[in-house]
Amino acid sequence: MAKAETTAATTRAPRGAKPVAQAFLAALESVPEAAQSAVAKAAQVMIRDEIKNRRDKAKVAAAKEKARRPAAVKRGPKAAAPEIAESVAATPIKRRSRKQAGAPVAA
């Protein structure tokens, strides 16, 4: 158990967690001390449920969008190549062959 506690203590909080935690604790200070623990637990449950509901709504929206799109999107014709590329493509490319190892070299 001690190892799990040290691992959790060394893990960094995600970006943006600090202002949220500070706002939560500042709002919790306005609640009477006797009820703070119960209010904090209830707030955490509500936050967890809200995050779960948002994820579910996002999944449903993504599924609807995927179903709405046609299965195979047809592509338009390819655009014509620029004129410069045509003139370059019309000229044959000259390639040099590699010199053979046993071939005599002309001086």
Protein backbone atom coordinates (compact mmCIF):
# COMPACT_ATOMS: atom_id res chain seq x y z
CA MET A 1 0.00 0.00 0.00
CA ALA A 2 2.83 2.40 0.77
CA LYS A 3 4.13 2.09 -2.78
CA ALA A 4 0.75 3.08 -4.27
CA GLU A 5 0.58 6.14 -2.04
CA THR A 6 4.03 7.35 -3.09
CA THR A 7 3.20 6.81 -6.77
CA ALA A 8 0.04 8.91 -6.48
CA ALA A 9 1.93 11.63 -4.65
CA THR A 10 4.61 11.90 -7.34
CA THR A 11 2.19 11.96 -10.29
CA ARG A 12 1.69 15.42 -11.73
CA ALA A 13 -1.79 16.84 -12.04
CA PRO A 14 -3.01 17.61 -15.56
CA ARG A 15 -2.83 21.14 -16.90
CA GLY A 16 -5.65 23.32 -15.57
CA ALA A 17 -6.31 21.24 -12.46
CA LYS A 18 -4.92 23.78 -10.02
CA PRO A 19 -7.36 26.65 -10.76
CA VAL A 20 -10.29 24.23 -10.69
CA ALA A 21 -9.21 22.83 -7.33
CA GLN A 22 -8.67 26.33 -5.93
CA ALA A 23 -12.14 27.42 -7.07
CA PHE A 24 -13.66 24.28 -5.57
CA LEU A 25 -11.95 24.85 -2.22
CA ALA A 26 -12.85 28.55 -2.21
CA ALA A 27 -16.50 27.70 -2.78
CA LEU A 28 -16.30 25.00 -0.11
CA GLU A 29 -15.19 27.60 2.46
CA SER A 30 -18.62 29.25 2.25
CA VAL A 31 -20.22 26.03 3.58
CA PRO A 32 -20.36 25.49 7.35
CA GLU A 33 -17.46 23.37 8.60
CA ALA A 34 -19.72 20.61 9.93
CA ALA A 35 -21.18 19.93 6.48
CA GLN A 36 -18.06 20.49 4.35
CA SER A 37 -17.12 16.82 3.95
CA ALA A 38 -20.63 15.81 2.88
CA VAL A 39 -20.88 18.74 0.47
CA ALA A 40 -17.47 17.94 -1.02
CA LYS A 41 -18.39 14.29 -1.58
CA ALA A 42 -21.71 15.22 -3.15
CA ALA A 43 -20.03 17.77 -5.42
CA GLN A 44 -17.47 15.22 -6.56
CA VAL A 45 -20.23 12.75 -7.43
CA MET A 46 -22.11 15.45 -9.35
CA ILE A 47 -18.96 16.44 -11.25
CA ARG A 48 -18.20 12.81 -12.12
CA ASP A 49 -21.77 12.29 -13.38
CA GLU A 50 -21.66 15.47 -15.46
CA ILE A 51 -18.38 14.43 -17.10
CA LYS A 52 -19.85 10.99 -17.84
CA ASN A 53 -22.97 12.55 -19.39
CA ARG A 54 -20.87 14.86 -21.58
CA ARG A 55 -18.80 11.93 -22.83
CA ASP A 56 -21.95 9.95 -23.62
CA LYS A 57 -23.44 12.91 -25.53
CA ALA A 58 -20.22 13.32 -27.51
CA LYS A 59 -20.23 9.61 -28.42
CA VAL A 60 -23.85 9.79 -29.57
CA ALA A 61 -23.15 12.92 -31.64
CA ALA A 62 -20.12 11.27 -33.26
CA ALA A 63 -22.16 8.16 -34.08
CA LYS A 64 -24.93 10.29 -35.65
CA GLU A 65 -22.41 12.24 -37.70
CA LYS A 66 -20.76 9.04 -38.90
CA ALA A 67 -24.14 7.57 -39.88
CA ARG A 68 -25.15 10.77 -41.66
CA ARG A 69 -22.08 10.77 -43.93
CA PRO A 70 -22.28 8.67 -47.07
CA ALA A 71 -20.38 5.40 -46.91
CA ALA A 72 -18.08 6.14 -49.83
CA VAL A 73 -17.31 9.73 -50.59
CA LYS A 74 -16.70 10.13 -54.31
CA ARG A 75 -13.59 12.02 -55.25
CA GLY A 76 -13.63 14.62 -57.94
CA PRO A 77 -11.41 14.44 -61.00
CA LYS A 78 -7.76 15.16 -60.48
CA ALA A 79 -6.70 18.70 -61.19
CA ALA A 80 -4.64 19.25 -64.30
CA ALA A 81 -0.92 19.57 -63.74
CA PRO A 82 0.54 23.04 -64.26
CA GLU A 83 1.94 23.87 -67.71
CA ILE A 84 5.48 23.99 -66.40
CA ALA A 85 5.28 20.41 -65.25
CA GLU A 86 3.98 19.34 -68.70
CA SER A 87 6.98 20.83 -70.48
CA VAL A 88 9.36 19.19 -68.05
CA ALA A 89 7.57 15.86 -68.39
CA ALA A 90 7.75 16.05 -72.22
CA THR A 91 11.57 16.18 -72.24
CA PRO A 92 13.15 12.77 -71.80
CA ILE A 93 15.18 12.23 -68.68
CA LYS A 94 18.77 11.29 -69.40
CA ARG A 95 20.17 8.80 -67.00
CA ARG A 96 23.78 7.89 -66.59
CA SER A 97 24.66 4.29 -66.29
CA ARG A 98 27.10 3.13 -63.68
CA LYS A 99 30.59 2.34 -64.79
CA GLN A 100 31.30 -1.35 -64.94
CA ALA A 101 34.07 -2.57 -62.69
CA GLY A 102 35.86 -4.60 -65.38
CA ALA A 103 35.27 -2.17 -68.25
CA PRO A 104 38.25 -0.17 -69.53
CA VAL A 105 38.11 3.54 -68.90
CA ALA A 106 38.57 5.81 -71.94
CA ALA A 107 41.12 8.52 -71.34
